Amino acid sequence: MSGLRRQALRLVTRVMSARMDSIASIPELRAFAGAGSKGRRLPRGATACSAVARGVPVEWITPAVVSSEATILYLHGGGWVLGWYNSHRWMVASICAAASCRALAVDYRLAPEDPFPAALKDCLSAYRWLIGEGTSASTIVLAGDSAGGNLVLSVMMALRDAGDPMPAAAVCISAMTDLAGTGDSLLRKRDALLSAKTVMSWAGAYVGDQDPRTPLISPLYGDFAGLPPLLVQAGADEILLSDSLRLAERAGAAGVDVRLSVWPGMWHVWHTLVPYLPEAQDAVSAIGAFVDEVCPATHSVVSAGEG
């Protein structure tokens, strides 16, 4: 049954991908991708609360039960051109449930209106705001998918170089780490969600007139020394697989505790299909276990409605 479900969801994903590829206008693309996001859609028991972090819009996501002191700072994907929509809100809430902790999602500025380094600056501001509000860096786990996975790495490199306290760990889901597009999987793989043309077009909007090999744009070319433990998840069928494989290799060579998981038959950020796709639920559960490992649960249990 899971095989048939996977095939059906892959087909649905391909249809949506084809529709997105046919839309040339960024505003129209955002309207299509964000359809149905006007009302917050969350798993049962989860809550969402908007806030502002040093001028950056953010959203607290809290699951039904919180038993961990960890806070996930989540940086959403969308190729730097798409925003914070219900597909990501649902996925992040599911990750929070798996980790029994809250998350702060960053609704950073988007390209092409605001190219690099706008998104990076917003994410750094949110992290520093979180620290300023009394959250210990040792309880923060950075996490992000696709463009957000890229920003996770860039944020940590910028924090390290600036002498800021580092987070406890980080999670990169289907991260794009090389905006120069040199990975062989970019053209070799047939991803259900993304095409190489779309990926490079969106990346170009973010890069603007900068060198795409600039480390804070493409962290694959940066220095990984001193970064905290890193969980890297990628689908075996996704066009950005090479970005994750090379990320894990270079981070490991720099002495980072990196765990790489490549999921057979999966495409770009399959996690958004939790809980309908078993592989998505398994991947989300693995993230929860990782967060619990780096930030062990406390003995107190708090319901979302209690505080």
C-alpha atoms as a PDB file:
ATOM      1  CA  MET A   1       0.000   0.000   0.000  1.00  0.00           C
ATOM      2  CA  SER A   2       2.803   2.447   0.871  1.00  0.00           C
ATOM      3  CA  GLY A   3       4.311   1.879  -2.594  1.00  0.00           C
ATOM      4  CA  LEU A   4       1.023   2.765  -4.305  1.00  0.00           C
ATOM      5  CA  ARG A   5       0.600   5.787  -2.071  1.00  0.00           C
ATOM      6  CA  ARG A   6       4.134   6.927  -2.887  1.00  0.00           C
ATOM      7  CA  GLN A   7       3.438   6.609  -6.619  1.00  0.00           C
ATOM      8  CA  ALA A   8       0.186   8.539  -6.329  1.00  0.00           C
ATOM      9  CA  LEU A   9       1.759  11.349  -4.320  1.00  0.00           C
ATOM     10  CA  ARG A  10       4.703  11.487  -6.717  1.00  0.00           C
ATOM     11  CA  LEU A  11       2.242  11.963  -9.578  1.00  0.00           C
ATOM     12  CA  VAL A  12       0.387  14.721  -7.739  1.00  0.00           C
ATOM     13  CA  THR A  13       3.723  16.404  -7.011  1.00  0.00           C
ATOM     14  CA  ARG A  14       4.717  16.223 -10.681  1.00  0.00           C
ATOM     15  CA  VAL A  15       1.451  17.840 -11.732  1.00  0.00           C
ATOM     16  CA  MET A  16       1.953  20.684  -9.257  1.00  0.00           C
ATOM     17  CA  SER A  17       5.575  21.075 -10.394  1.00  0.00           C
ATOM     18  CA  ALA A  18       4.533  21.325 -14.043  1.00  0.00           C
ATOM     19  CA  ARG A  19       2.016  24.014 -13.152  1.00  0.00           C
ATOM     20  CA  MET A  20       4.635  26.007 -11.245  1.00  0.00           C
ATOM     21  CA  ASP A  21       7.117  25.700 -14.125  1.00  0.00           C
ATOM     22  CA  SER A  22       4.508  27.188 -16.455  1.00  0.00           C
ATOM     23  CA  ILE A  23       4.153  30.372 -14.385  1.00  0.00           C
ATOM     24  CA  ALA A  24       6.705  33.012 -15.354  1.00  0.00           C
ATOM     25  CA  SER A  25       5.473  35.839 -13.101  1.00  0.00           C
ATOM     26  CA  ILE A  26       6.819  35.781  -9.531  1.00  0.00           C
ATOM     27  CA  PRO A  27       3.639  37.394  -8.083  1.00  0.00           C
ATOM     28  CA  GLU A  28       1.479  34.787  -9.871  1.00  0.00           C
ATOM     29  CA  LEU A  29       3.788  32.024  -8.684  1.00  0.00           C
ATOM     30  CA  ARG A  30       3.480  33.228  -5.104  1.00  0.00           C
ATOM     31  CA  ALA A  31      -0.301  33.349  -5.401  1.00  0.00           C
ATOM     32  CA  PHE A  32      -0.351  29.776  -6.701  1.00  0.00           C
ATOM     33  CA  ALA A  33       2.107  28.426  -4.118  1.00  0.00           C
ATOM     34  CA  GLY A  34       0.358  30.228  -1.274  1.00  0.00           C
ATOM     35  CA  ALA A  35      -3.188  29.294  -2.248  1.00  0.00           C
ATOM     36  CA  GLY A  36      -5.070  28.289   0.873  1.00  0.00           C
ATOM     37  CA  SER A  37      -2.564  29.904   3.232  1.00  0.00           C
ATOM     38  CA  LYS A  38      -4.730  32.788   4.376  1.00  0.00           C
ATOM     39  CA  GLY A  39      -5.988  30.731   7.310  1.00  0.00           C
ATOM     40  CA  ARG A  40      -3.363  28.955   9.398  1.00  0.00           C
ATOM     41  CA  ARG A  41      -3.500  25.211   8.869  1.00  0.00           C
ATOM     42  CA  LEU A  42      -2.006  23.171  11.679  1.00  0.00           C
ATOM     43  CA  PRO A  43      -2.171  19.615  13.032  1.00  0.00           C
ATOM     44  CA  ARG A  44      -4.633  19.093  15.866  1.00  0.00           C
ATOM     45  CA  GLY A  45      -3.476  20.651  19.129  1.00  0.00           C
ATOM     46  CA  ALA A  46      -0.780  22.845  17.588  1.00  0.00           C
ATOM     47  CA  THR A  47      -0.896  26.619  17.811  1.00  0.00           C
ATOM     48  CA  ALA A  48       0.669  29.509  15.888  1.00  0.00           C
ATOM     49  CA  CYS A  49       1.362  33.020  17.121  1.00  0.00           C
ATOM     50  CA  SER A  50       2.821  35.894  15.099  1.00  0.00           C
ATOM     51  CA  ALA A  51       5.584  38.117  16.457  1.00  0.00           C
ATOM     52  CA  VAL A  52       8.231  40.544  15.255  1.00  0.00           C
ATOM     53  CA  ALA A  53      11.944  39.926  15.845  1.00  0.00           C
ATOM     54  CA  ARG A  54      13.994  43.101  15.341  1.00  0.00           C
ATOM     55  CA  GLY A  55      11.694  44.150  12.542  1.00  0.00           C
ATOM     56  CA  VAL A  56      11.483  40.657  11.001  1.00  0.00           C
ATOM     57  CA  PRO A  57       8.095  38.883  10.950  1.00  0.00           C
ATOM     58  CA  VAL A  58       8.254  35.531  12.713  1.00  0.00           C
ATOM     59  CA  GLU A  59       5.781  32.934  13.896  1.00  0.00           C
ATOM     60  CA  TRP A  60       5.856  30.758  16.990  1.00  0.00           C
ATOM     61  CA  ILE A  61       4.710  27.184  16.337  1.00  0.00           C
ATOM     62  CA  THR A  62       3.899  25.137  19.424  1.00  0.00           C
ATOM     63  CA  PRO A  63       2.782  21.487  19.376  1.00  0.00           C
ATOM     64  CA  ALA A  64       0.128  20.016  21.645  1.00  0.00           C
ATOM     65  CA  VAL A  65       2.752  18.792  24.103  1.00  0.00           C
ATOM     66  CA  VAL A  66       6.105  20.402  24.908  1.00  0.00           C
ATOM     67  CA  SER A  67       8.563  18.372  26.974  1.00  0.00           C
ATOM     68  CA  SER A  68      11.872  19.756  25.698  1.00  0.00           C
ATOM     69  CA  GLU A  69      13.730  22.992  26.317  1.00  0.00           C
ATOM     70  CA  ALA A  70      14.832  22.997  22.683  1.00  0.00           C
ATOM     71  CA  THR A  71      13.719  25.732  20.307  1.00  0.00           C
ATOM     72  CA  ILE A  72      13.883  25.113  16.571  1.00  0.00           C
ATOM     73  CA  LEU A  73      14.666  28.231  14.556  1.00  0.00           C
ATOM     74  CA  TYR A  74      13.129  27.286  11.216  1.00  0.00           C
ATOM     75  CA  LEU A  75      14.126  28.855   7.902  1.00  0.00           C
ATOM     76  CA  HIS A  76      11.651  27.899   5.196  1.00  0.00           C
ATOM     77  CA  GLY A  77      12.420  26.915   1.633  1.00  0.00           C
ATOM     78  CA  GLY A  78      10.966  28.238  -1.596  1.00  0.00           C
ATOM     79  CA  GLY A  79      13.989  29.185  -3.669  1.00  0.00           C
ATOM     80  CA  TRP A  80      14.347  32.559  -1.914  1.00  0.00           C
ATOM     81  CA  VAL A  81      11.332  33.782  -3.936  1.00  0.00           C
ATOM     82  CA  LEU A  82       8.412  31.997  -2.221  1.00  0.00           C
ATOM     83  CA  GLY A  83       7.209  32.750   1.289  1.00  0.00           C
ATOM     84  CA  TRP A  84       5.967  31.165   4.508  1.00  0.00           C
ATOM     85  CA  TYR A  85       2.876  29.156   3.520  1.00  0.00           C
ATOM     86  CA  ASN A  86       0.677  26.479   5.077  1.00  0.00           C
ATOM     87  CA  SER A  87       2.653  23.639   3.470  1.00  0.00           C
ATOM     88  CA  HIS A  88       5.663  24.645   5.545  1.00  0.00           C
ATOM     89  CA  ARG A  89       3.588  25.601   8.578  1.00  0.00           C
ATOM     90  CA  TRP A  90       2.132  22.074   8.700  1.00  0.00           C
ATOM     91  CA  MET A  91       5.540  20.442   8.202  1.00  0.00           C
ATOM     92  CA  VAL A  92       7.203  22.533  10.906  1.00  0.00           C
ATOM     93  CA  ALA A  93       4.367  21.825  13.337  1.00  0.00           C
ATOM     94  CA  SER A  94       4.846  18.116  12.642  1.00  0.00           C
ATOM     95  CA  ILE A  95       8.583  18.408  13.319  1.00  0.00           C
ATOM     96  CA  CYS A  96       7.787  20.211  16.568  1.00  0.00           C
ATOM     97  CA  ALA A  97       5.456  17.384  17.582  1.00  0.00           C
ATOM     98  CA  ALA A  98       8.171  14.819  16.835  1.00  0.00           C
ATOM     99  CA  ALA A  99      10.698  16.797  18.896  1.00  0.00           C
ATOM    100  CA  SER A 100       8.200  17.858  21.608  1.00  0.00           C
ATOM    101  CA  CYS A 101       9.438  21.427  21.335  1.00  0.00           C
ATOM    102  CA  ARG A 102       8.421  24.797  19.937  1.00  0.00           C
ATOM    103  CA  ALA A 103       9.734  26.472  16.784  1.00  0.00           C
ATOM    104  CA  LEU A 104      10.236  30.037  15.656  1.00  0.00           C
ATOM    105  CA  ALA A 105       9.729  30.299  11.884  1.00  0.00           C
ATOM    106  CA  VAL A 106      11.302  33.262  10.095  1.00  0.00           C
ATOM    107  CA  ASP A 107       9.341  35.006   7.335  1.00  0.00           C
ATOM    108  CA  TYR A 108      12.409  36.593   5.753  1.00  0.00           C
ATOM    109  CA  ARG A 109      12.501  39.020   2.822  1.00  0.00           C
ATOM    110  CA  LEU A 110      12.294  37.525  -0.658  1.00  0.00           C
ATOM    111  CA  ALA A 111      14.071  37.907  -3.984  1.00  0.00           C
ATOM    112  CA  PRO A 112      14.085  39.391  -6.536  1.00  0.00           C
ATOM    113  CA  GLU A 113      12.805  42.432  -4.638  1.00  0.00           C
ATOM    114  CA  ASP A 114      15.364  41.826  -1.885  1.00  0.00           C
ATOM    115  CA  PRO A 115      18.292  39.712  -3.121  1.00  0.00           C
ATOM    116  CA  PHE A 116      21.303  38.554  -1.090  1.00  0.00           C
ATOM    117  CA  PRO A 117      22.054  39.392   1.696  1.00  0.00           C
ATOM    118  CA  ALA A 118      18.526  40.418   2.768  1.00  0.00           C
ATOM    119  CA  ALA A 119      17.285  36.936   3.718  1.00  0.00           C
ATOM    120  CA  LEU A 120      20.519  36.126   5.535  1.00  0.00           C
ATOM    121  CA  LYS A 121      20.372  39.379   7.522  1.00  0.00           C
ATOM    122  CA  ASP A 122      16.757  38.688   8.534  1.00  0.00           C
ATOM    123  CA  CYS A 123      17.610  35.180   9.738  1.00  0.00           C
ATOM    124  CA  LEU A 124      20.596  36.481  11.711  1.00  0.00           C
ATOM    125  CA  SER A 125      18.367  39.145  13.280  1.00  0.00           C
ATOM    126  CA  ALA A 126      15.830  36.513  14.323  1.00  0.00           C
ATOM    127  CA  TYR A 127      18.527  34.343  15.905  1.00  0.00           C
ATOM    128  CA  ARG A 128      20.019  37.266  17.819  1.00  0.00           C
ATOM    129  CA  TRP A 129      16.552  38.381  18.924  1.00  0.00           C
ATOM    130  CA  LEU A 130      15.883  34.887  20.236  1.00  0.00           C
ATOM    131  CA  ILE A 131      19.125  35.008  22.249  1.00  0.00           C
ATOM    132  CA  GLY A 132      18.260  38.490  23.485  1.00  0.00           C
ATOM    133  CA  GLU A 133      14.869  37.264  24.686  1.00  0.00           C
ATOM    134  CA  GLY A 134      16.624  34.819  27.004  1.00  0.00           C
ATOM    135  CA  THR A 135      16.820  31.633  24.958  1.00  0.00           C
ATOM    136  CA  SER A 136      20.156  29.890  25.482  1.00  0.00           C
ATOM    137  CA  ALA A 137      22.088  29.172  22.289  1.00  0.00           C
ATOM    138  CA  SER A 138      22.723  25.683  23.685  1.00  0.00           C
ATOM    139  CA  THR A 139      19.004  24.917  23.304  1.00  0.00           C
ATOM    140  CA  ILE A 140      18.573  26.289  19.763  1.00  0.00           C
ATOM    141  CA  VAL A 141      18.523  23.983  16.754  1.00  0.00           C
ATOM    142  CA  LEU A 142      18.629  25.683  13.359  1.00  0.00           C
ATOM    143  CA  ALA A 143      16.627  23.870  10.692  1.00  0.00           C
ATOM    144  CA  GLY A 144      15.585  24.577   7.136  1.00  0.00           C
ATOM    145  CA  ASP A 145      14.707  23.044   3.802  1.00  0.00           C
ATOM    146  CA  SER A 146      16.002  23.845   0.312  1.00  0.00           C
ATOM    147  CA  ALA A 147      16.839  27.576   0.310  1.00  0.00           C
ATOM    148  CA  GLY A 148      16.247  27.475   4.058  1.00  0.00           C
ATOM    149  CA  GLY A 149      18.854  24.728   4.418  1.00  0.00           C
ATOM    150  CA  ASN A 150      21.270  26.991   2.591  1.00  0.00           C
ATOM    151  CA  LEU A 151      20.457  29.824   5.001  1.00  0.00           C
ATOM    152  CA  VAL A 152      20.982  27.521   7.994  1.00  0.00           C
ATOM    153  CA  LEU A 153      24.587  26.977   6.935  1.00  0.00           C
ATOM    154  CA  SER A 154      25.194  30.612   5.990  1.00  0.00           C
ATOM    155  CA  VAL A 155      23.767  31.805   9.303  1.00  0.00           C
ATOM    156  CA  MET A 156      26.063  29.498  11.272  1.00  0.00           C
ATOM    157  CA  MET A 157      29.124  30.559   9.296  1.00  0.00           C
ATOM    158  CA  ALA A 158      28.247  34.225   9.833  1.00  0.00           C
ATOM    159  CA  LEU A 159      27.610  33.674  13.559  1.00  0.00           C
ATOM    160  CA  ARG A 160      30.910  31.858  13.993  1.00  0.00           C
ATOM    161  CA  ASP A 161      32.866  34.554  12.158  1.00  0.00           C
ATOM    162  CA  ALA A 162      31.175  37.311  14.199  1.00  0.00           C
ATOM    163  CA  GLY A 163      31.902  35.573  17.505  1.00  0.00           C
ATOM    164  CA  ASP A 164      28.232  34.981  18.370  1.00  0.00           C
ATOM    165  CA  PRO A 165      27.225  31.962  20.485  1.00  0.00           C
ATOM    166  CA  MET A 166      26.608  28.967  18.252  1.00  0.00           C
ATOM    167  CA  PRO A 167      23.405  26.877  18.245  1.00  0.00           C
ATOM    168  CA  ALA A 168      23.376  23.357  19.625  1.00  0.00           C
ATOM    169  CA  ALA A 169      22.937  21.730  16.216  1.00  0.00           C
ATOM    170  CA  ALA A 170      21.416  22.150  12.770  1.00  0.00           C
ATOM    171  CA  VAL A 171      19.224  20.264  10.297  1.00  0.00           C
ATOM    172  CA  CYS A 172      19.468  20.674   6.522  1.00  0.00           C
ATOM    173  CA  ILE A 173      16.631  19.201   4.447  1.00  0.00           C
ATOM    174  CA  SER A 174      17.274  18.992   0.688  1.00  0.00           C
ATOM    175  CA  ALA A 175      19.553  22.015   0.984  1.00  0.00           C
ATOM    176  CA  MET A 176      20.812  23.939  -2.031  1.00  0.00           C
ATOM    177  CA  THR A 177      24.420  24.588  -1.093  1.00  0.00           C
ATOM    178  CA  ASP A 178      25.896  25.426  -4.509  1.00  0.00           C
ATOM    179  CA  LEU A 179      24.159  28.249  -6.377  1.00  0.00           C
ATOM    180  CA  ALA A 180      26.742  27.983  -9.148  1.00  0.00           C
ATOM    181  CA  GLY A 181      24.881  24.804 -10.140  1.00  0.00           C
ATOM    182  CA  THR A 182      27.889  22.507 -10.547  1.00  0.00           C
ATOM    183  CA  GLY A 183      26.343  19.381  -8.981  1.00  0.00           C
ATOM    184  CA  ASP A 184      25.963  16.487 -11.419  1.00  0.00           C
ATOM    185  CA  SER A 185      22.572  15.487 -10.018  1.00  0.00           C
ATOM    186  CA  LEU A 186      21.154  18.820 -11.228  1.00  0.00           C
ATOM    187  CA  LEU A 187      20.901  17.405 -14.743  1.00  0.00           C
ATOM    188  CA  ARG A 188      21.107  13.665 -14.055  1.00  0.00           C
ATOM    189  CA  LYS A 189      18.126  13.266 -11.715  1.00  0.00           C
ATOM    190  CA  ARG A 190      14.417  13.517 -12.527  1.00  0.00           C
ATOM    191  CA  ASP A 191      12.949  15.203  -9.484  1.00  0.00           C
ATOM    192  CA  ALA A 192       9.180  15.048  -8.969  1.00  0.00           C
ATOM    193  CA  LEU A 193       9.077  18.594  -7.600  1.00  0.00           C
ATOM    194  CA  LEU A 194      11.863  20.669  -9.141  1.00  0.00           C
ATOM    195  CA  SER A 195      13.423  21.231 -12.554  1.00  0.00           C
ATOM    196  CA  ALA A 196      16.974  22.458 -13.085  1.00  0.00           C
ATOM    197  CA  LYS A 197      15.670  25.448 -15.038  1.00  0.00           C
ATOM    198  CA  THR A 198      13.426  26.538 -12.188  1.00  0.00           C
ATOM    199  CA  VAL A 199      16.072  26.019  -9.524  1.00  0.00           C
ATOM    200  CA  MET A 200      18.700  28.060 -11.325  1.00  0.00           C
ATOM    201  CA  SER A 201      16.206  30.807 -12.179  1.00  0.00           C
ATOM    202  CA  TRP A 202      15.206  31.228  -8.541  1.00  0.00           C
ATOM    203  CA  ALA A 203      18.820  31.029  -7.376  1.00  0.00           C
ATOM    204  CA  GLY A 204      19.748  33.727  -9.859  1.00  0.00           C
ATOM    205  CA  ALA A 205      17.089  36.032  -8.433  1.00  0.00           C
ATOM    206  CA  TYR A 206      18.692  35.669  -4.993  1.00  0.00           C
ATOM    207  CA  VAL A 207      22.304  35.959  -6.189  1.00  0.00           C
ATOM    208  CA  GLY A 208      21.649  39.130  -8.170  1.00  0.00           C
ATOM    209  CA  ASP A 209      24.929  40.630  -9.339  1.00  0.00           C
ATOM    210  CA  GLN A 210      27.045  38.774  -6.760  1.00  0.00           C
ATOM    211  CA  ASP A 211      29.453  35.883  -7.347  1.00  0.00           C
ATOM    212  CA  PRO A 212      27.406  32.678  -6.779  1.00  0.00           C
ATOM    213  CA  ARG A 213      30.494  31.041  -5.249  1.00  0.00           C
ATOM    214  CA  THR A 214      30.565  33.582  -2.408  1.00  0.00           C
ATOM    215  CA  PRO A 215      30.556  31.355   0.725  1.00  0.00           C
ATOM    216  CA  LEU A 216      27.594  33.086   2.379  1.00  0.00           C
ATOM    217  CA  ILE A 217      25.616  32.605  -0.846  1.00  0.00           C
ATOM    218  CA  SER A 218      26.875  29.087  -1.561  1.00  0.00           C
ATOM    219  CA  PRO A 219      28.085  27.649   1.771  1.00  0.00           C
ATOM    220  CA  LEU A 220      29.545  24.638  -0.051  1.00  0.00           C
ATOM    221  CA  TYR A 221      32.500  26.946  -0.805  1.00  0.00           C
ATOM    222  CA  GLY A 222      32.771  28.127   2.792  1.00  0.00           C
ATOM    223  CA  ASP A 223      34.674  27.003   5.876  1.00  0.00           C
ATOM    224  CA  PHE A 224      32.809  24.389   7.919  1.00  0.00           C
ATOM    225  CA  ALA A 225      35.280  24.268  10.803  1.00  0.00           C
ATOM    226  CA  GLY A 226      33.699  24.864  14.187  1.00  0.00           C
ATOM    227  CA  LEU A 227      30.101  24.230  13.157  1.00  0.00           C
ATOM    228  CA  PRO A 228      27.876  22.215  15.543  1.00  0.00           C
ATOM    229  CA  PRO A 229      26.456  18.717  14.841  1.00  0.00           C
ATOM    230  CA  LEU A 230      24.602  18.582  11.564  1.00  0.00           C
ATOM    231  CA  LEU A 231      21.832  16.325  10.280  1.00  0.00           C
ATOM    232  CA  VAL A 232      21.580  16.271   6.486  1.00  0.00           C
ATOM    233  CA  GLN A 233      18.554  14.686   4.803  1.00  0.00           C
ATOM    234  CA  ALA A 234      18.131  14.328   1.050  1.00  0.00           C
ATOM    235  CA  GLY A 235      16.084  12.283  -1.395  1.00  0.00           C
ATOM    236  CA  ALA A 236      17.873   9.862  -3.676  1.00  0.00           C
ATOM    237  CA  ASP A 237      15.835  11.101  -6.651  1.00  0.00           C
ATOM    238  CA  GLU A 238      16.218  14.839  -6.139  1.00  0.00           C
ATOM    239  CA  ILE A 239      18.191  17.125  -8.403  1.00  0.00           C
ATOM    240  CA  LEU A 240      19.985  18.723  -5.442  1.00  0.00           C
ATOM    241  CA  LEU A 241      21.331  15.407  -4.112  1.00  0.00           C
ATOM    242  CA  SER A 242      24.882  16.382  -5.095  1.00  0.00           C
ATOM    243  CA  ASP A 243      24.610  19.498  -2.943  1.00  0.00           C
ATOM    244  CA  SER A 244      23.848  17.400   0.147  1.00  0.00           C
ATOM    245  CA  LEU A 245      26.465  14.750  -0.611  1.00  0.00           C
ATOM    246  CA  ARG A 246      29.214  17.327  -1.067  1.00  0.00           C
ATOM    247  CA  LEU A 247      28.014  19.255   1.982  1.00  0.00           C
ATOM    248  CA  ALA A 248      28.332  16.147   4.160  1.00  0.00           C
ATOM    249  CA  GLU A 249      31.740  15.317   2.709  1.00  0.00           C
ATOM    250  CA  ARG A 250      33.212  18.774   3.237  1.00  0.00           C
ATOM    251  CA  ALA A 251      31.668  19.254   6.671  1.00  0.00           C
ATOM    252  CA  GLY A 252      32.994  15.873   7.780  1.00  0.00           C
ATOM    253  CA  ALA A 253      36.456  16.690   6.447  1.00  0.00           C
ATOM    254  CA  ALA A 254      36.381  19.884   8.557  1.00  0.00           C
ATOM    255  CA  GLY A 255      35.683  17.865  11.707  1.00  0.00           C
ATOM    256  CA  VAL A 256      31.950  18.488  11.961  1.00  0.00           C
ATOM    257  CA  ASP A 257      29.783  15.738  13.463  1.00  0.00           C
ATOM    258  CA  VAL A 258      27.622  15.261  10.361  1.00  0.00           C
ATOM    259  CA  ARG A 259      24.947  12.594   9.843  1.00  0.00           C
ATOM    260  CA  LEU A 260      23.822  12.082   6.251  1.00  0.00           C
ATOM    261  CA  SER A 261      20.575  10.291   5.403  1.00  0.00           C
ATOM    262  CA  VAL A 262      19.642   9.692   1.760  1.00  0.00           C
ATOM    263  CA  TRP A 263      16.080   8.410   1.372  1.00  0.00           C
ATOM    264  CA  PRO A 264      15.504   5.975  -1.527  1.00  0.00           C
ATOM    265  CA  GLY A 265      12.856   6.996  -4.048  1.00  0.00           C
ATOM    266  CA  MET A 266      12.289  10.425  -2.498  1.00  0.00           C
ATOM    267  CA  TRP A 267      12.209  13.805  -4.192  1.00  0.00           C
ATOM    268  CA  HIS A 268      12.896  17.368  -3.052  1.00  0.00           C
ATOM    269  CA  VAL A 269      11.500  18.125   0.440  1.00  0.00           C
ATOM    270  CA  TRP A 270       9.112  15.181   0.536  1.00  0.00           C
ATOM    271  CA  HIS A 271       8.616  16.070   4.203  1.00  0.00           C
ATOM    272  CA  THR A 272       5.755  18.426   3.289  1.00  0.00           C
ATOM    273  CA  LEU A 273       3.574  15.362   2.682  1.00  0.00           C
ATOM    274  CA  VAL A 274       3.620  14.325   6.341  1.00  0.00           C
ATOM    275  CA  PRO A 275       1.667  12.350   7.569  1.00  0.00           C
ATOM    276  CA  TYR A 276       0.223  11.049   4.287  1.00  0.00           C
ATOM    277  CA  LEU A 277       3.545   9.741   2.951  1.00  0.00           C
ATOM    278  CA  PRO A 278       5.171   7.179   5.291  1.00  0.00           C
ATOM    279  CA  GLU A 279       8.669   8.233   4.230  1.00  0.00           C
ATOM    280  CA  ALA A 280       7.806  11.809   5.156  1.00  0.00           C
ATOM    281  CA  GLN A 281       6.658  10.751   8.603  1.00  0.00           C
ATOM    282  CA  ASP A 282       9.830   8.685   9.072  1.00  0.00           C
ATOM    283  CA  ALA A 283      12.044  11.605   8.048  1.00  0.00           C
ATOM    284  CA  VAL A 284      10.221  13.982  10.395  1.00  0.00           C
ATOM    285  CA  SER A 285      10.520  11.446  13.225  1.00  0.00           C
ATOM    286  CA  ALA A 286      14.265  11.197  12.565  1.00  0.00           C
ATOM    287  CA  ILE A 287      14.563  14.966  12.932  1.00  0.00           C
ATOM    288  CA  GLY A 288      12.668  14.773  16.210  1.00  0.00           C
ATOM    289  CA  ALA A 289      15.044  12.099  17.492  1.00  0.00           C
ATOM    290  CA  PHE A 290      18.043  14.223  16.483  1.00  0.00           C
ATOM    291  CA  VAL A 291      16.698  17.285  18.288  1.00  0.00           C
ATOM    292  CA  ASP A 292      16.020  15.156  21.363  1.00  0.00           C
ATOM    293  CA  GLU A 293      19.594  13.864  21.226  1.00  0.00           C
ATOM    294  CA  VAL A 294      21.240  17.289  21.079  1.00  0.00           C
ATOM    295  CA  CYS A 295      18.719  18.918  23.466  1.00  0.00           C
ATOM    296  CA  PRO A 296      17.396  16.190  25.778  1.00  0.00           C
ATOM    297  CA  ALA A 297      13.814  16.484  26.993  1.00  0.00           C
ATOM    298  CA  THR A 298      13.111  17.910  30.428  1.00  0.00           C
ATOM    299  CA  HIS A 299      10.934  16.134  32.964  1.00  0.00           C
ATOM    300  CA  SER A 300       8.150  18.715  32.763  1.00  0.00           C
ATOM    301  CA  VAL A 301       5.389  18.411  30.192  1.00  0.00           C
ATOM    302  CA  VAL A 302       3.474  21.504  29.077  1.00  0.00           C
ATOM    303  CA  SER A 303       0.389  21.541  26.882  1.00  0.00           C
ATOM    304  CA  ALA A 304       0.141  24.169  24.152  1.00  0.00           C
ATOM    305  CA  GLY A 305      -2.814  25.787  25.834  1.00  0.00           C
ATOM    306  CA  GLU A 306      -1.043  26.219  29.182  1.00  0.00           C
ATOM    307  CA  GLY A 307       1.251  29.046  28.666  1.00  0.00           C
END
